[in-house]
Amino acid sequence: MPPSPAPRVTPRRQATRDRVLEAASEVFAERGFHGASVEDICERAGFTRGAFYSNFSSKDDLVLELSTRHAQALVDRIRSAASRPEASPEDVLTDVFASLADEPLRKDRWLVLTTEFTLHAIRDAKARTAWAEQQRRIRDALIAVVDETVDQRGITLPMPTEIFVRAAMALANGSMTQQLVEPGSLDAGELERTVLPVLLGLG
């Protein structure tokens, strides 16, 4: 028997989901993942607990959905930055770094939230499984856009694309962590601008 089609999300339901996610991002930024309660998020969104639980089963679901949206926005910005046919590989990297610097979700807040959630996932088997799957989907999306870009530019990566993407993600997270722990020790994007060209074989 073929699977049942996914239920259609009505505009009203989508608007509710969007408002809950917006409220969650604000409350998480202020109080952290563990410090924020479902009641706090409902109050900020102006909805009841019933409205919350008709759209999300838990705070974990909120982080997973926020992560999906964050990753899609990142992929879209990279694809847009790489779309100029006359640009050199170095120009593409410059555009990518500029687009990342202007991302709408503050990178410091996003790093803190995902770090908290990663620790939660390490301790909770169900959350760990969901988070690992989410990270795999993000890597797959980034691998696809990197493959598109290097094929368009005639670049041969000196390593498998998955390894490059994993290294780039680790580099970006590590760079932001150092900037938060040691303010002023690095300019925004300094490590990425220095190391990613080397990983791409351009350095």
Protein backbone atom coordinates (compact mmCIF):
# COMPACT_ATOMS: atom_id res chain seq x y z
CA MET A 1 0.00 0.00 0.00
CA PRO A 2 1.48 3.40 -0.94
CA PRO A 3 2.14 5.82 1.93
CA SER A 4 -0.54 8.35 2.72
CA PRO A 5 0.21 11.83 1.40
CA ALA A 6 1.46 14.33 3.95
CA PRO A 7 -1.33 16.54 5.29
CA ARG A 8 -1.56 19.91 3.58
CA VAL A 9 -0.30 22.80 5.67
CA THR A 10 -2.84 25.59 5.43
CA PRO A 11 -1.67 29.23 5.31
CA ARG A 12 -3.16 29.76 8.77
CA ARG A 13 -1.33 26.76 10.20
CA GLN A 14 1.91 27.85 8.53
CA ALA A 15 1.51 31.34 10.01
CA THR A 16 1.08 29.78 13.45
CA ARG A 17 4.19 27.64 13.00
CA ASP A 18 6.17 30.64 11.79
CA ARG A 19 5.12 32.74 14.79
CA VAL A 20 5.95 29.98 17.27
CA LEU A 21 9.38 29.53 15.66
CA GLU A 22 10.02 33.27 15.73
CA ALA A 23 9.05 33.40 19.40
CA ALA A 24 11.19 30.35 20.17
CA SER A 25 14.25 31.89 18.53
CA GLU A 26 13.80 35.02 20.67
CA VAL A 27 13.26 33.12 23.93
CA PHE A 28 16.11 30.68 23.25
CA ALA A 29 18.41 33.64 22.61
CA GLU A 30 17.42 35.25 25.92
CA ARG A 31 17.22 32.20 28.20
CA GLY A 32 18.98 29.35 26.46
CA PHE A 33 17.57 26.00 25.39
CA HIS A 34 17.15 24.59 28.88
CA GLY A 35 16.10 27.91 30.44
CA ALA A 36 13.28 28.45 27.96
CA SER A 37 10.01 26.68 28.70
CA VAL A 38 7.15 25.83 26.36
CA GLU A 39 5.03 28.23 28.43
CA ASP A 40 7.56 31.03 27.84
CA ILE A 41 7.46 30.43 24.10
CA CYS A 42 3.65 30.26 24.01
CA GLU A 43 3.39 33.51 25.94
CA ARG A 44 5.81 35.26 23.58
CA ALA A 45 3.98 33.91 20.53
CA GLY A 46 0.56 34.77 21.92
CA PHE A 47 -0.73 31.21 21.58
CA THR A 48 -1.99 28.53 23.93
CA ARG A 49 -0.17 25.30 24.75
CA GLY A 50 -2.75 23.58 22.57
CA ALA A 51 -1.67 25.63 19.57
CA PHE A 52 1.94 24.79 20.34
CA TYR A 53 1.40 21.05 20.64
CA SER A 54 -0.76 20.93 17.52
CA ASN A 55 2.34 22.03 15.59
CA PHE A 56 5.35 20.79 17.58
CA SER A 57 5.77 17.91 19.97
CA SER A 58 8.58 19.44 22.03
CA LYS A 59 11.30 22.07 22.25
CA ASP A 60 13.50 19.57 20.42
CA ASP A 61 11.20 19.85 17.40
CA LEU A 62 11.59 23.62 17.45
CA VAL A 63 15.37 23.43 17.31
CA LEU A 64 15.25 20.87 14.50
CA GLU A 65 12.91 23.08 12.45
CA LEU A 66 14.98 26.20 13.15
CA SER A 67 18.07 24.27 12.08
CA THR A 68 16.37 23.23 8.82
CA ARG A 69 15.49 26.83 8.03
CA HIS A 70 18.93 28.10 9.01
CA ALA A 71 20.62 25.52 6.78
CA GLN A 72 18.37 26.25 3.80
CA ALA A 73 19.06 29.97 4.10
CA LEU A 74 22.79 29.21 4.22
CA VAL A 75 22.62 26.99 1.12
CA ASP A 76 20.60 29.65 -0.73
CA ARG A 77 23.16 32.33 0.11
CA ILE A 78 26.07 30.17 -1.02
CA ARG A 79 24.28 29.27 -4.27
CA SER A 80 23.50 32.94 -4.92
CA ALA A 81 27.09 33.96 -4.19
CA ALA A 82 28.39 31.30 -6.59
CA SER A 83 25.97 32.11 -9.40
CA ARG A 84 27.93 34.90 -11.11
CA PRO A 85 29.35 33.22 -14.24
CA GLU A 86 32.18 35.75 -14.66
CA ALA A 87 33.47 35.36 -11.10
CA SER A 88 36.74 33.59 -10.37
CA PRO A 89 36.92 30.95 -7.59
CA GLU A 90 38.49 33.57 -5.35
CA ASP A 91 35.62 35.98 -6.14
CA VAL A 92 33.12 33.27 -5.27
CA LEU A 93 34.76 32.72 -1.90
CA THR A 94 34.75 36.46 -1.22
CA ASP A 95 31.02 36.60 -2.02
CA VAL A 96 30.32 33.56 0.17
CA PHE A 97 32.15 35.10 3.13
CA ALA A 98 30.28 38.37 2.64
CA SER A 99 26.93 36.59 2.52
CA LEU A 100 27.73 34.62 5.66
CA ALA A 101 28.70 37.80 7.50
CA ASP A 102 25.28 39.26 6.67
CA GLU A 103 23.21 36.21 7.63
CA PRO A 104 19.95 37.22 9.33
CA LEU A 105 20.25 34.88 12.33
CA ARG A 106 23.02 36.13 14.60
CA LYS A 107 25.78 33.56 14.38
CA ASP A 108 26.80 33.92 18.04
CA ARG A 109 23.26 33.19 19.27
CA TRP A 110 22.88 30.32 16.83
CA LEU A 111 26.17 28.78 17.93
CA VAL A 112 25.19 28.98 21.61
CA LEU A 113 21.81 27.36 20.93
CA THR A 114 23.21 24.54 18.79
CA THR A 115 26.01 23.92 21.29
CA GLU A 116 23.46 23.61 24.10
CA PHE A 117 21.31 21.33 21.97
CA THR A 118 24.31 19.19 21.00
CA LEU A 119 25.09 18.63 24.69
CA HIS A 120 21.43 17.76 25.26
CA ALA A 121 21.56 15.32 22.34
CA ILE A 122 24.71 13.64 23.63
CA ARG A 123 22.87 12.86 26.87
CA ASP A 124 19.50 11.93 25.35
CA ALA A 125 19.41 9.02 22.89
CA LYS A 126 16.22 10.13 21.10
CA ALA A 127 17.50 13.68 20.66
CA ARG A 128 20.89 12.36 19.54
CA THR A 129 19.33 10.26 16.79
CA ALA A 130 17.21 13.17 15.56
CA TRP A 131 20.13 15.64 15.72
CA ALA A 132 22.50 13.27 13.90
CA GLU A 133 19.93 12.84 11.12
CA GLN A 134 19.45 16.59 10.94
CA GLN A 135 23.19 17.18 10.67
CA ARG A 136 23.39 14.56 7.91
CA ARG A 137 20.67 16.35 5.93
CA ILE A 138 22.49 19.67 6.33
CA ARG A 139 25.77 18.13 5.16
CA ASP A 140 24.03 16.55 2.17
CA ALA A 141 22.58 19.93 1.16
CA LEU A 142 25.95 21.63 1.54
CA ILE A 143 27.70 18.83 -0.35
CA ALA A 144 25.27 19.32 -3.23
CA VAL A 145 25.83 23.07 -3.47
CA VAL A 146 29.63 22.69 -3.15
CA ASP A 147 29.62 20.07 -5.92
CA GLU A 148 27.54 22.39 -8.11
CA THR A 149 29.95 25.25 -7.50
CA VAL A 150 33.20 23.39 -8.08
CA ASP A 151 31.80 21.76 -11.22
CA GLN A 152 30.78 25.17 -12.59
CA ARG A 153 34.22 26.59 -11.82
CA GLY A 154 36.29 23.65 -12.95
CA ILE A 155 37.78 23.18 -9.50
CA THR A 156 39.05 19.79 -8.36
CA LEU A 157 38.82 19.43 -4.61
CA PRO A 158 41.90 17.81 -3.05
CA MET A 159 39.63 15.70 -0.81
CA PRO A 160 36.13 14.16 -0.92
CA THR A 161 33.43 16.83 -0.82
CA GLU A 162 31.96 15.41 2.39
CA ILE A 163 35.31 15.79 4.15
CA PHE A 164 35.60 19.36 2.87
CA VAL A 165 32.10 20.20 4.13
CA ARG A 166 32.74 18.61 7.52
CA ALA A 167 36.01 20.53 7.81
CA ALA A 168 34.36 23.81 6.77
CA MET A 169 31.54 23.36 9.30
CA ALA A 170 33.99 22.51 12.06
CA LEU A 171 36.15 25.49 11.10
CA ALA A 172 33.23 27.93 11.13
CA ASN A 173 31.96 26.68 14.50
CA GLY A 174 35.44 26.65 16.01
CA SER A 175 36.15 30.15 14.73
CA MET A 176 32.95 31.55 16.25
CA THR A 177 33.62 29.73 19.53
CA GLN A 178 37.06 31.32 19.76
CA GLN A 179 35.61 34.75 19.01
CA LEU A 180 33.04 34.36 21.80
CA VAL A 181 35.51 33.00 24.35
CA GLU A 182 38.35 35.35 23.36
CA PRO A 183 36.73 38.55 22.05
CA GLY A 184 39.04 40.44 19.73
CA SER A 185 41.36 37.48 19.19
CA LEU A 186 40.12 36.97 15.61
CA ASP A 187 38.37 39.10 13.06
CA ALA A 188 35.02 37.74 11.91
CA GLY A 189 35.68 35.14 9.21
CA GLU A 190 39.47 35.39 9.53
CA LEU A 191 40.05 31.66 9.94
CA GLU A 192 37.61 30.81 7.16
CA ARG A 193 39.19 33.30 4.75
CA THR A 194 42.64 31.92 5.54
CA VAL A 195 41.98 28.19 5.64
CA LEU A 196 39.13 27.46 3.23
CA PRO A 197 41.10 28.51 0.10
CA VAL A 198 43.78 26.03 1.17
CA LEU A 199 41.17 23.27 1.60
CA LEU A 200 39.84 24.12 -1.86
CA GLY A 201 43.33 23.80 -3.32
CA LEU A 202 43.52 27.53 -4.10
CA GLY A 203 46.04 28.48 -1.44
